[in-house]
Protein backbone atom coordinates (compact mmCIF):
# COMPACT_ATOMS: atom_id res chain seq x y z
CA MET A 1 19.73 -80.88 -82.47
CA GLU A 2 21.48 -80.22 -79.15
CA HIS A 3 21.51 -83.23 -76.84
CA GLY A 4 23.40 -82.16 -73.74
CA ASP A 5 26.28 -84.43 -72.71
CA ARG A 6 27.33 -86.95 -75.32
CA ILE A 7 29.62 -89.89 -75.91
CA LEU A 8 31.48 -90.41 -79.19
CA VAL A 9 31.93 -93.96 -80.49
CA LEU A 10 34.69 -94.44 -83.08
CA ASP A 11 33.98 -97.39 -85.37
CA PHE A 12 36.80 -99.80 -86.29
CA GLY A 13 34.52 -102.23 -88.10
CA SER A 14 33.07 -104.29 -85.26
CA GLN A 15 29.74 -106.01 -85.86
CA THR A 16 28.64 -104.74 -82.44
CA THR A 17 29.53 -101.03 -82.79
CA GLN A 18 25.85 -100.08 -82.98
CA LEU A 19 25.26 -102.00 -79.77
CA ILE A 20 27.80 -99.80 -77.96
CA ALA A 21 25.92 -96.64 -78.95
CA ARG A 22 22.59 -98.19 -78.02
CA ARG A 23 23.84 -99.33 -74.60
CA VAL A 24 25.07 -95.82 -73.86
CA ARG A 25 21.69 -94.38 -74.86
CA GLU A 26 19.99 -96.87 -72.55
CA LEU A 27 21.83 -94.99 -69.80
CA HIS A 28 20.00 -91.87 -71.05
CA VAL A 29 23.15 -90.30 -72.47
CA TYR A 30 23.27 -89.40 -76.16
CA SER A 31 25.90 -91.25 -78.20
CA GLU A 32 26.93 -91.02 -81.82
CA ILE A 33 29.03 -93.24 -84.08
CA LYS A 34 31.66 -91.85 -86.41
CA PRO A 35 34.24 -93.67 -88.58
CA PHE A 36 37.67 -94.20 -86.98
CA ASN A 37 39.32 -91.82 -89.46
CA VAL A 38 37.25 -88.77 -88.55
CA SER A 39 39.52 -85.75 -88.08
CA LEU A 40 40.77 -84.63 -84.69
CA ALA A 41 39.20 -81.22 -85.35
CA GLU A 42 35.78 -82.83 -85.84
CA ILE A 43 36.20 -84.86 -82.66
CA LYS A 44 36.99 -81.68 -80.72
CA GLY A 45 34.02 -79.94 -82.34
CA PHE A 46 31.74 -82.73 -81.18
CA HIS A 47 32.66 -81.84 -77.56
CA PRO A 48 32.34 -85.42 -76.25
CA LYS A 49 32.26 -86.13 -72.53
CA GLY A 50 33.94 -89.43 -73.38
CA ILE A 51 35.20 -91.48 -76.35
CA ILE A 52 34.77 -95.21 -76.91
CA LEU A 53 36.96 -97.06 -79.42
CA SER A 54 35.06 -100.06 -80.81
CA GLY A 55 36.37 -103.51 -81.53
CA GLY A 56 37.18 -104.61 -85.06
CA PRO A 57 38.39 -107.55 -87.18
CA ALA A 58 41.91 -106.19 -87.84
CA SER A 59 45.23 -106.76 -86.05
CA VAL A 60 47.20 -103.62 -85.14
CA TYR A 61 50.05 -105.06 -87.24
CA ASP A 62 48.00 -105.57 -90.40
CA GLU A 63 48.97 -103.49 -93.40
CA GLY A 64 46.50 -100.63 -93.56
CA ALA A 65 45.08 -101.45 -90.11
CA PRO A 66 42.66 -98.72 -88.96
CA LYS A 67 44.34 -96.27 -86.58
CA VAL A 68 43.70 -92.99 -84.80
CA SER A 69 46.10 -90.16 -84.07
CA PRO A 70 47.98 -90.65 -80.75
CA GLU A 71 46.93 -87.04 -80.01
CA LEU A 72 43.46 -88.41 -79.27
CA PHE A 73 44.77 -89.74 -75.97
CA ALA A 74 46.11 -86.32 -74.96
CA LEU A 75 42.80 -84.45 -75.26
CA GLY A 76 42.04 -84.93 -71.58
CA VAL A 77 38.75 -86.65 -72.50
CA PRO A 78 38.18 -90.12 -70.98
CA VAL A 79 38.75 -92.90 -73.52
CA LEU A 80 37.60 -96.52 -73.30
CA GLY A 81 39.11 -98.98 -75.78
CA ILE A 82 37.13 -102.17 -76.38
CA CYS A 83 38.97 -105.24 -77.75
CA TYR A 84 40.75 -103.90 -80.88
CA GLY A 85 40.32 -100.39 -79.43
CA MET A 86 42.25 -101.45 -76.31
CA GLN A 87 44.98 -103.14 -78.39
CA LEU A 88 45.32 -100.07 -80.61
CA MET A 89 45.63 -97.77 -77.58
CA THR A 90 48.32 -100.05 -76.13
CA HIS A 91 50.19 -100.20 -79.45
CA LEU A 92 50.10 -96.43 -80.07
CA LEU A 93 51.19 -95.56 -76.52
CA GLY A 94 54.22 -97.85 -76.43
CA GLY A 95 52.93 -101.20 -75.21
CA ARG A 96 53.18 -104.57 -76.95
CA VAL A 97 50.41 -106.53 -78.62
CA GLU A 98 50.98 -110.14 -79.70
CA LYS A 99 49.04 -113.04 -81.17
CA SER A 100 47.32 -114.78 -78.28
CA ALA A 101 48.65 -118.26 -77.46
CA LYS A 102 45.01 -119.34 -77.48
CA ARG A 103 42.37 -117.25 -79.18
CA GLU A 104 39.30 -116.41 -77.12
CA TYR A 105 35.96 -116.46 -78.92
CA GLY A 106 32.80 -116.70 -76.87
CA PRO A 107 32.23 -116.88 -73.11
CA ALA A 108 35.13 -116.45 -70.70
CA GLU A 109 35.50 -115.90 -66.96
CA LEU A 110 36.76 -112.49 -65.88
CA GLU A 111 38.41 -112.08 -62.48
CA ILE A 112 38.34 -108.56 -61.04
CA ILE A 113 41.67 -107.56 -59.49
CA ARG A 114 40.71 -104.00 -58.52
CA ASN A 115 37.08 -103.05 -57.96
CA GLU A 116 37.59 -99.39 -58.87
CA ASP A 117 36.70 -97.16 -61.84
CA LEU A 118 35.21 -99.49 -64.50
CA PHE A 119 34.47 -102.12 -61.85
CA TYR A 120 33.19 -99.81 -59.12
CA GLY A 121 30.46 -101.53 -57.10
CA LEU A 122 31.53 -105.03 -58.16
CA LYS A 123 33.25 -107.56 -55.92
CA LYS A 124 37.06 -107.55 -55.72
CA GLY A 125 38.20 -111.04 -56.68
CA GLY A 126 34.75 -111.65 -58.14
CA ARG A 127 34.43 -113.83 -61.21
CA TYR A 128 31.98 -112.88 -63.95
CA ARG A 129 30.95 -114.26 -67.33
CA VAL A 130 32.05 -112.00 -70.20
CA TRP A 131 32.16 -112.28 -73.99
CA MET A 132 35.51 -112.39 -75.76
CA SER A 133 36.27 -112.19 -79.49
CA HIS A 134 39.97 -111.74 -80.20
CA GLY A 135 43.05 -113.36 -81.69
CA ASP A 136 45.57 -110.78 -80.39
CA ARG A 137 46.08 -109.74 -76.79
CA VAL A 138 48.05 -107.16 -74.80
CA GLU A 139 51.41 -108.75 -73.92
CA THR A 140 52.97 -105.70 -72.24
CA PRO A 141 50.82 -102.71 -71.19
CA ALA A 142 51.90 -99.24 -72.35
CA PRO A 143 53.86 -97.20 -69.78
CA GLY A 144 51.63 -95.92 -66.97
CA PHE A 145 48.92 -98.60 -67.32
CA TYR A 146 48.06 -101.17 -64.67
CA THR A 147 45.71 -104.16 -64.54
CA LEU A 148 42.11 -104.04 -63.35
CA ALA A 149 41.04 -107.56 -64.38
CA LYS A 150 42.28 -110.75 -66.02
CA SER A 151 40.97 -113.92 -67.67
CA GLU A 152 42.54 -117.32 -68.25
CA HIS A 153 44.07 -116.33 -71.59
CA SER A 154 44.24 -112.52 -71.15
CA PRO A 155 46.42 -111.43 -68.21
CA TYR A 156 45.49 -107.82 -69.04
CA ALA A 157 41.76 -108.17 -69.69
CA ALA A 158 41.16 -104.64 -68.35
CA LEU A 159 43.63 -101.75 -68.01
CA LYS A 160 43.72 -98.26 -66.54
CA HIS A 161 46.28 -95.45 -66.84
CA GLU A 162 47.55 -94.27 -63.46
CA GLU A 163 47.22 -90.54 -64.29
CA LYS A 164 45.18 -90.05 -67.48
CA PRO A 165 41.52 -91.10 -67.90
CA LEU A 166 42.42 -93.91 -70.31
CA PHE A 167 40.87 -97.38 -70.00
CA GLY A 168 40.78 -100.60 -71.98
CA VAL A 169 38.87 -103.87 -71.82
CA GLN A 170 39.58 -107.01 -73.84
CA PHE A 171 35.98 -108.24 -73.54
CA HIS A 172 32.81 -106.77 -75.05
CA PRO A 173 30.67 -104.99 -72.41
CA GLU A 174 28.07 -104.06 -75.04
CA VAL A 175 26.82 -107.61 -75.71
CA ALA A 176 24.15 -109.30 -73.62
CA HIS A 177 26.43 -112.29 -72.92
CA THR A 178 28.64 -110.09 -70.69
CA GLU A 179 26.77 -110.18 -67.39
CA ILE A 180 28.45 -107.03 -65.99
CA GLY A 181 28.39 -105.10 -69.28
CA ARG A 182 25.83 -102.52 -68.18
CA GLU A 183 27.74 -101.84 -64.94
CA VAL A 184 31.04 -101.37 -66.79
CA LEU A 185 29.55 -98.96 -69.34
CA ALA A 186 27.57 -97.09 -66.66
CA ASN A 187 30.73 -96.65 -64.59
CA PHE A 188 32.58 -95.27 -67.62
CA VAL A 189 29.81 -93.01 -68.95
CA LEU A 190 28.21 -91.74 -65.74
CA ARG A 191 31.01 -91.89 -63.16
CA ILE A 192 34.27 -91.49 -65.08
CA CYS A 193 32.99 -89.19 -67.86
CA GLY A 194 30.48 -87.48 -65.57
CA ALA A 195 27.83 -87.41 -68.32
CA LYS A 196 24.38 -86.33 -67.17
CA PRO A 197 21.53 -88.72 -68.09
CA THR A 198 19.29 -86.20 -69.87
CA TRP A 199 18.64 -88.10 -73.12
CA THR A 200 14.98 -89.18 -72.93
CA MET A 201 12.37 -89.68 -75.62
CA LYS A 202 10.02 -87.25 -73.89
CA SER A 203 12.61 -84.48 -74.13
CA PHE A 204 13.37 -85.56 -77.73
CA ILE A 205 9.70 -85.13 -78.74
CA GLU A 206 9.54 -81.64 -77.23
CA LYS A 207 12.76 -80.57 -78.95
CA VAL A 208 11.97 -81.99 -82.38
CA VAL A 209 8.45 -80.52 -82.49
CA ALA A 210 9.80 -77.09 -81.50
CA GLU A 211 12.52 -77.32 -84.15
CA LEU A 212 10.04 -78.36 -86.85
CA LYS A 213 7.80 -75.41 -85.99
CA ALA A 214 10.75 -73.06 -86.34
CA GLN A 215 12.04 -74.69 -89.54
CA ILE A 216 8.82 -74.93 -91.58
CA GLY A 217 7.39 -71.62 -92.79
CA PRO A 218 3.75 -70.67 -91.94
CA GLU A 219 2.54 -71.24 -95.51
CA GLU A 220 4.73 -74.22 -96.42
CA LYS A 221 3.39 -77.77 -96.84
CA VAL A 222 5.04 -81.10 -96.10
CA ILE A 223 4.28 -84.45 -97.71
CA CYS A 224 5.05 -87.82 -96.16
CA ALA A 225 4.96 -91.30 -97.71
CA LEU A 226 2.92 -93.35 -95.25
CA SER A 227 3.26 -97.13 -95.10
CA GLY A 228 1.51 -97.87 -91.81
CA GLY A 229 4.80 -98.95 -90.25
CA ILE A 230 6.12 -97.42 -87.05
CA ASP A 231 8.84 -95.27 -88.66
CA SER A 232 6.65 -93.40 -91.14
CA THR A 233 3.75 -93.16 -88.65
CA VAL A 234 5.89 -91.65 -85.86
CA THR A 235 7.44 -89.26 -88.41
CA ALA A 236 3.99 -88.17 -89.56
CA VAL A 237 2.64 -87.68 -86.00
CA LEU A 238 5.65 -85.55 -84.99
CA VAL A 239 5.37 -83.33 -88.08
CA HIS A 240 1.58 -83.11 -87.61
CA ARG A 241 2.10 -81.90 -84.03
CA ALA A 242 4.26 -79.12 -85.41
CA ILE A 243 2.22 -77.93 -88.42
CA GLY A 244 -1.18 -79.66 -88.31
CA ASP A 245 -2.97 -80.31 -91.61
CA ARG A 246 -0.25 -78.60 -93.65
CA LEU A 247 1.23 -82.11 -93.50
CA VAL A 248 -0.29 -84.29 -96.22
CA CYS A 249 0.36 -88.02 -95.94
CA ILE A 250 0.19 -90.11 -99.10
CA PHE A 251 -0.67 -93.78 -98.67
CA VAL A 252 -0.21 -95.78 -101.87
CA ASN A 253 -1.78 -99.23 -102.04
CA ASN A 254 0.48 -101.09 -104.46
CA GLY A 255 -1.63 -104.25 -104.38
CA LEU A 256 1.21 -106.02 -102.58
CA LEU A 257 0.00 -105.45 -99.02
CA ARG A 258 -1.08 -108.08 -96.52
CA LYS A 259 -4.67 -109.14 -95.98
CA GLY A 260 -6.81 -106.22 -94.76
CA GLU A 261 -3.77 -104.00 -94.36
CA ALA A 262 -4.94 -101.00 -96.40
CA GLU A 263 -8.22 -100.79 -94.47
CA SER A 264 -6.56 -101.13 -91.05
CA VAL A 265 -3.89 -98.51 -91.84
CA LEU A 266 -6.50 -95.97 -92.98
CA THR A 267 -8.60 -96.62 -89.85
CA VAL A 268 -5.62 -96.01 -87.55
CA MET A 269 -4.48 -92.88 -89.40
CA LYS A 270 -7.98 -91.43 -89.19
CA LYS A 271 -7.98 -91.99 -85.40
CA LEU A 272 -4.61 -90.21 -85.20
CA GLY A 273 -6.14 -87.20 -86.97
CA LEU A 274 -3.71 -87.31 -89.90
CA ASN A 275 -4.54 -85.77 -93.28
CA VAL A 276 -4.19 -88.80 -95.60
CA ARG A 277 -4.60 -89.12 -99.38
CA TYR A 278 -5.29 -92.76 -100.30
CA VAL A 279 -4.28 -94.00 -103.75
CA ASP A 280 -5.23 -97.49 -104.91
CA ALA A 281 -2.66 -98.24 -107.62
CA THR A 282 -3.04 -102.04 -107.52
CA GLU A 283 -3.77 -102.39 -111.24
CA LYS A 284 -0.80 -100.26 -112.32
CA PHE A 285 1.72 -102.13 -110.13
CA LEU A 286 0.49 -105.64 -111.04
CA SER A 287 0.36 -104.91 -114.78
CA ARG A 288 3.99 -103.71 -114.69
CA LEU A 289 5.10 -106.77 -112.71
CA LYS A 290 3.47 -109.21 -115.17
CA GLY A 291 6.01 -111.75 -116.41
CA VAL A 292 8.83 -110.37 -114.20
CA THR A 293 10.75 -112.97 -112.17
CA ASP A 294 14.08 -111.30 -111.32
CA PRO A 295 14.04 -109.98 -107.71
CA GLU A 296 16.04 -106.84 -108.47
CA GLU A 297 13.85 -106.04 -111.46
CA LYS A 298 10.78 -106.40 -109.24
CA ARG A 299 12.27 -103.96 -106.74
CA ARG A 300 13.23 -101.52 -109.49
CA ILE A 301 9.75 -101.56 -111.06
CA ILE A 302 8.00 -101.14 -107.70
CA GLY A 303 10.33 -98.32 -106.62
CA HIS A 304 10.01 -96.40 -109.89
CA THR A 305 6.23 -96.84 -110.04
CA PHE A 306 5.88 -95.65 -106.45
CA ILE A 307 7.93 -92.51 -107.19
CA GLU A 308 5.85 -91.82 -110.32
CA ILE A 309 2.56 -92.06 -108.40
CA PHE A 310 3.92 -90.15 -105.42
CA GLU A 311 5.03 -87.30 -107.71
CA GLU A 312 1.57 -87.16 -109.34
CA GLU A 313 -0.17 -86.94 -105.96
CA ALA A 314 2.28 -84.35 -104.63
CA LYS A 315 1.53 -82.09 -107.60
CA LYS A 316 -2.17 -82.28 -106.74
CA VAL A 317 -1.37 -81.12 -103.18
CA GLY A 318 0.53 -78.06 -104.46
CA ASN A 319 2.91 -75.65 -102.70
CA VAL A 320 4.94 -78.51 -101.22
CA THR A 321 8.36 -77.53 -99.85
CA TYR A 322 9.40 -80.53 -97.73
CA LEU A 323 9.39 -84.31 -97.86
CA ALA A 324 9.26 -86.08 -94.47
CA GLN A 325 10.97 -89.49 -94.24
CA GLY A 326 11.30 -92.05 -91.46
CA THR A 327 15.06 -92.51 -91.88
CA LEU A 328 16.63 -94.14 -88.79
CA TYR A 329 20.16 -93.88 -87.38
CA PRO A 330 21.26 -97.36 -88.60
CA ASP A 331 20.47 -96.17 -92.17
CA VAL A 332 22.71 -93.15 -91.62
CA ILE A 333 25.52 -95.27 -90.13
CA GLU A 334 25.35 -97.74 -93.02
CA SER A 335 25.83 -94.93 -95.53
CA VAL A 336 29.08 -93.84 -93.82
CA SER A 337 30.41 -97.17 -92.55
CA PHE A 338 33.93 -97.30 -91.18
CA LYS A 339 35.44 -97.79 -94.64
CA GLY A 340 32.78 -96.11 -96.74
CA PRO A 341 29.34 -97.36 -97.81
CA SER A 342 28.65 -101.04 -97.25
CA ALA A 343 28.39 -103.42 -100.19
CA THR A 344 24.90 -103.54 -101.65
CA ILE A 345 23.22 -106.87 -100.89
CA LYS A 346 19.93 -105.81 -102.47
CA SER A 347 18.33 -102.53 -103.41
CA HIS A 348 15.67 -101.12 -101.12
CA HIS A 349 12.38 -99.51 -101.97
CA ASN A 350 12.21 -96.08 -100.43
CA VAL A 351 11.69 -92.56 -101.70
CA GLY A 352 15.35 -92.00 -102.50
CA GLY A 353 15.75 -89.59 -105.40
CA LEU A 354 12.47 -87.77 -104.78
CA PRO A 355 13.87 -84.66 -103.08
CA GLU A 356 16.19 -83.96 -106.05
CA ARG A 357 13.57 -84.74 -108.70
CA MET A 358 10.90 -82.67 -107.03
CA GLN A 359 13.25 -80.01 -105.66
CA LEU A 360 12.12 -80.73 -102.11
CA LYS A 361 13.95 -80.27 -98.82
CA LEU A 362 14.20 -83.32 -96.58
CA ILE A 363 12.83 -83.62 -93.06
CA GLU A 364 14.11 -86.69 -91.19
CA PRO A 365 13.14 -86.25 -87.53
CA LEU A 366 14.16 -89.83 -86.59
CA ARG A 367 17.58 -89.92 -88.25
CA GLU A 368 19.35 -89.92 -84.86
CA LEU A 369 17.31 -92.78 -83.38
CA PHE A 370 17.48 -96.55 -83.15
CA LYS A 371 14.35 -98.67 -83.68
CA ASP A 372 13.82 -99.31 -79.95
CA GLU A 373 13.93 -95.54 -79.32
CA VAL A 374 11.30 -95.00 -82.03
CA ARG A 375 9.09 -97.53 -80.25
CA GLU A 376 9.58 -95.60 -77.02
CA ILE A 377 8.53 -92.38 -78.79
CA ALA A 378 5.47 -94.17 -80.19
CA ARG A 379 4.48 -95.11 -76.63
CA GLU A 380 5.02 -91.52 -75.47
CA LEU A 381 2.82 -90.32 -78.36
CA GLY A 382 0.07 -92.77 -77.39
CA LEU A 383 0.13 -94.72 -80.67
CA PRO A 384 -1.84 -97.99 -80.74
CA GLU A 385 0.04 -101.19 -79.90
CA ASP A 386 -0.55 -102.61 -83.38
CA ILE A 387 1.67 -99.82 -84.73
CA ILE A 388 4.24 -99.90 -81.91
CA TYR A 389 4.86 -103.63 -82.15
CA ARG A 390 4.26 -104.11 -85.87
CA GLN A 391 6.97 -106.28 -87.34
CA PRO A 392 9.08 -104.81 -90.18
CA PHE A 393 7.46 -105.16 -93.60
CA PRO A 394 9.49 -104.65 -96.79
CA GLY A 395 8.73 -101.74 -99.11
CA PRO A 396 8.19 -104.05 -102.12
CA GLY A 397 5.69 -105.95 -99.96
CA LEU A 398 4.56 -109.44 -100.88
CA ALA A 399 6.27 -109.18 -104.29
CA ILE A 400 9.55 -110.34 -102.75
CA ARG A 401 7.84 -113.07 -100.74
CA ILE A 402 6.47 -114.60 -103.93
CA LEU A 403 9.43 -116.20 -105.64
CA GLY A 404 9.04 -115.87 -109.39
CA GLU A 405 6.23 -114.01 -111.15
CA VAL A 406 3.72 -112.04 -109.08
CA THR A 407 0.18 -112.88 -110.14
CA PRO A 408 -3.25 -112.14 -108.59
CA GLU A 409 -3.72 -115.88 -107.93
CA ARG A 410 -0.39 -116.20 -106.09
CA LEU A 411 -1.06 -113.03 -104.10
CA VAL A 412 -4.36 -114.49 -102.84
CA ILE A 413 -2.60 -117.71 -101.75
CA LEU A 414 0.23 -115.88 -99.97
CA ARG A 415 -2.11 -113.37 -98.27
CA GLU A 416 -4.20 -116.17 -96.78
CA ALA A 417 -1.15 -118.16 -95.63
CA ASP A 418 0.52 -115.06 -94.18
CA ALA A 419 -2.66 -114.07 -92.32
CA ILE A 420 -2.67 -117.48 -90.63
CA VAL A 421 0.99 -117.10 -89.61
CA LEU A 422 0.36 -113.68 -88.05
CA GLU A 423 -2.84 -114.81 -86.33
CA GLU A 424 -1.23 -117.89 -84.76
CA MET A 425 1.94 -115.99 -83.74
CA LYS A 426 -0.17 -113.38 -81.94
CA LYS A 427 -2.50 -115.93 -80.37
CA SER A 428 0.46 -117.95 -79.03
CA GLY A 429 2.27 -114.89 -77.63
CA TRP A 430 5.25 -115.37 -79.95
CA TYR A 431 4.61 -112.36 -82.20
CA ARG A 432 6.32 -109.85 -79.90
CA LYS A 433 9.14 -112.24 -79.00
CA VAL A 434 10.54 -112.37 -82.54
CA TRP A 435 11.84 -109.81 -85.02
CA GLN A 436 9.82 -111.03 -88.01
CA SER A 437 7.50 -113.93 -88.85
CA PHE A 438 5.94 -114.41 -92.26
CA ALA A 439 5.07 -116.79 -95.10
CA VAL A 440 6.85 -117.16 -98.44
CA LEU A 441 5.30 -118.71 -101.57
CA LEU A 442 7.77 -120.90 -103.44
CA PRO A 443 7.68 -121.33 -107.25
CA VAL A 444 7.49 -125.12 -107.00
CA ARG A 445 4.63 -127.58 -106.87
CA THR A 446 4.74 -130.91 -105.06
CA VAL A 447 2.67 -134.05 -105.05
CA GLY A 448 0.29 -134.51 -102.14
CA VAL A 449 -2.79 -136.45 -101.11
CA MET A 450 -6.01 -134.86 -99.88
CA GLY A 451 -8.77 -137.34 -99.16
CA ASP A 452 -8.65 -139.92 -101.94
CA TYR A 453 -7.24 -137.48 -104.46
CA ARG A 454 -3.72 -136.78 -105.65
CA THR A 455 -2.80 -133.08 -105.55
CA TYR A 456 -0.07 -131.08 -107.24
CA GLU A 457 0.10 -127.73 -105.50
CA TYR A 458 2.33 -124.97 -104.10
CA VAL A 459 4.79 -125.04 -101.20
CA VAL A 460 4.69 -122.36 -98.49
CA ALA A 461 7.81 -121.64 -96.41
CA ILE A 462 7.51 -120.06 -92.95
CA ARG A 463 10.29 -117.65 -92.00
CA CYS A 464 10.69 -116.59 -88.37
CA VAL A 465 13.83 -114.89 -87.02
CA ASP A 466 15.27 -113.34 -83.87
CA SER A 467 17.25 -110.12 -84.34
CA VAL A 468 18.07 -106.78 -82.74
CA ASP A 469 18.53 -104.58 -85.81
CA ALA A 470 18.21 -106.93 -88.84
CA MET A 471 21.95 -106.71 -89.56
CA THR A 472 22.28 -110.26 -88.25
CA ALA A 473 19.52 -112.74 -87.44
CA ASP A 474 19.05 -116.28 -86.19
CA TRP A 475 16.13 -118.57 -87.00
CA THR A 476 13.62 -118.84 -84.17
CA ARG A 477 13.20 -122.15 -82.34
CA LEU A 478 9.41 -122.17 -82.38
CA PRO A 479 7.63 -124.87 -80.34
CA TYR A 480 6.70 -127.95 -82.35
CA ASP A 481 3.02 -127.67 -81.45
CA LEU A 482 2.92 -124.11 -82.88
CA LEU A 483 4.66 -125.24 -86.07
CA ALA A 484 2.17 -128.11 -86.32
CA ARG A 485 -0.79 -125.70 -86.01
CA LEU A 486 0.68 -123.39 -88.65
CA SER A 487 1.23 -126.24 -91.10
CA ASN A 488 -2.16 -127.83 -90.44
CA ARG A 489 -4.12 -124.60 -90.84
CA ILE A 490 -2.31 -123.42 -93.98
CA ILE A 491 -2.72 -126.77 -95.77
CA ASN A 492 -6.38 -127.14 -94.74
CA GLU A 493 -7.53 -123.54 -95.18
CA VAL A 494 -5.50 -122.16 -98.10
CA ARG A 495 -6.54 -123.53 -101.48
CA GLY A 496 -3.54 -124.28 -103.68
CA VAL A 497 -1.09 -125.31 -100.93
CA ASN A 498 -0.30 -128.90 -99.94
CA ARG A 499 3.09 -128.58 -98.21
CA VAL A 500 4.62 -126.28 -95.55
CA VAL A 501 8.34 -126.05 -94.74
CA TYR A 502 10.22 -124.11 -92.04
CA ASP A 503 13.29 -122.03 -92.91
CA ILE A 504 16.18 -122.71 -90.48
CA SER A 505 18.77 -120.42 -92.11
CA SER A 506 20.54 -117.64 -90.21
CA LYS A 507 21.77 -114.26 -91.48
CA PRO A 508 24.52 -114.44 -92.60
CA PRO A 509 24.82 -116.40 -94.85
CA ALA A 510 21.12 -116.11 -95.77
CA THR A 511 19.14 -112.87 -95.74
CA ILE A 512 15.93 -112.44 -93.75
CA GLU A 513 13.76 -112.02 -96.84
CA TRP A 514 13.99 -114.65 -99.58
CA GLU A 515 14.41 -112.08 -102.38
């Protein structure tokens, strides 16, 4: 898809590379991430209005340190190096990078020496809070570069070339902790690169619907696996706008959904006018999960069973040419990370493998978007708020929130506890403030007292995290009175539970889900 002016972000392994691309898109300019070792020919073919070199964990002197060709800086395209990107630019163009006398990690005070270019509109001599994360620093700028800003431990915290459009900053403008981050990136993207802010979700919808109409033949059918989540729902609505009822959505109830979820999803999809085939496969999934305790085996069984059922239903539809999926841009980035695919932490339940098995072509209308952009599209499409703000829910469902064997009895307990968590989070106004909030059923029983009787029942853990994209997450500091209500209601209303605990682990080292 053509996007007008665009900014290329080269990834050197920083944990905040995705944030750079997202911040640029917030300026309504399309940005795309590619690995640092992409060829010069591909960079030229991308026709970027500007290039941003991300930070990264390496030192420019490390053996095998990620590098770019020095020719990149002679393309005449504005380049902004961030942290490692700035050090690499300095190193390749003849400057000197050394270990910093004192490493800077976290907040630092930046003093602006020249309020031009990157710092246009800011106060000369002004001091601003920025976020640093580096062990090396520029000791001697490359020939032709002069200083725009400094910090206590970085005399060259921002640099500019006197003739070429080359810039570097030692701090991270993409993170929220840098108070002038938006201004710095806006100055680079809009003023220095001259990129026009034409990237909007309204224009994206118009383009993608037109492209789908042109791509899908007049007699061809498309199937879509519907979960009720925002990604698959937005995908389905976009395809439906293009081809109407030749899109057939398949909603499989695996018996591992939350309380009342199947009914509410079907109600919403009916209101949206989607053509949905509902399959209740609860018995098949639960019988295959009987006696299984290993998390990966659970995921494998659920994934394979889903594909089997999906294939059966697709055959009933007949004349299917395409499979529509709600793949997002972070999924694409992860598959081509800066040094190849990331290590597998756990397998994921999706419809991977289906296109090859069923000889289908893939349609992924959201593969260029971040989650917040998908939410914006959902608003543009007029989707209900329950869909727009629905928290992520794993493909394997409650199976990976029940540690140990999945049984009908344990599913009932977890559903009731989870329903209370969601109800109280929404009632208190915390539901939209957090990334995810849910209950987990632990495979342990503890002694308790209810009335005059001794009990020996299950433990429920509450998991609630703050995150931007689920790649990292921190546990949410919920108010004590809310935690008290959650505990009190679960213990009093859910038969089989006599203890509630709160998970205060961050990711990393923990994961968001327990399995």
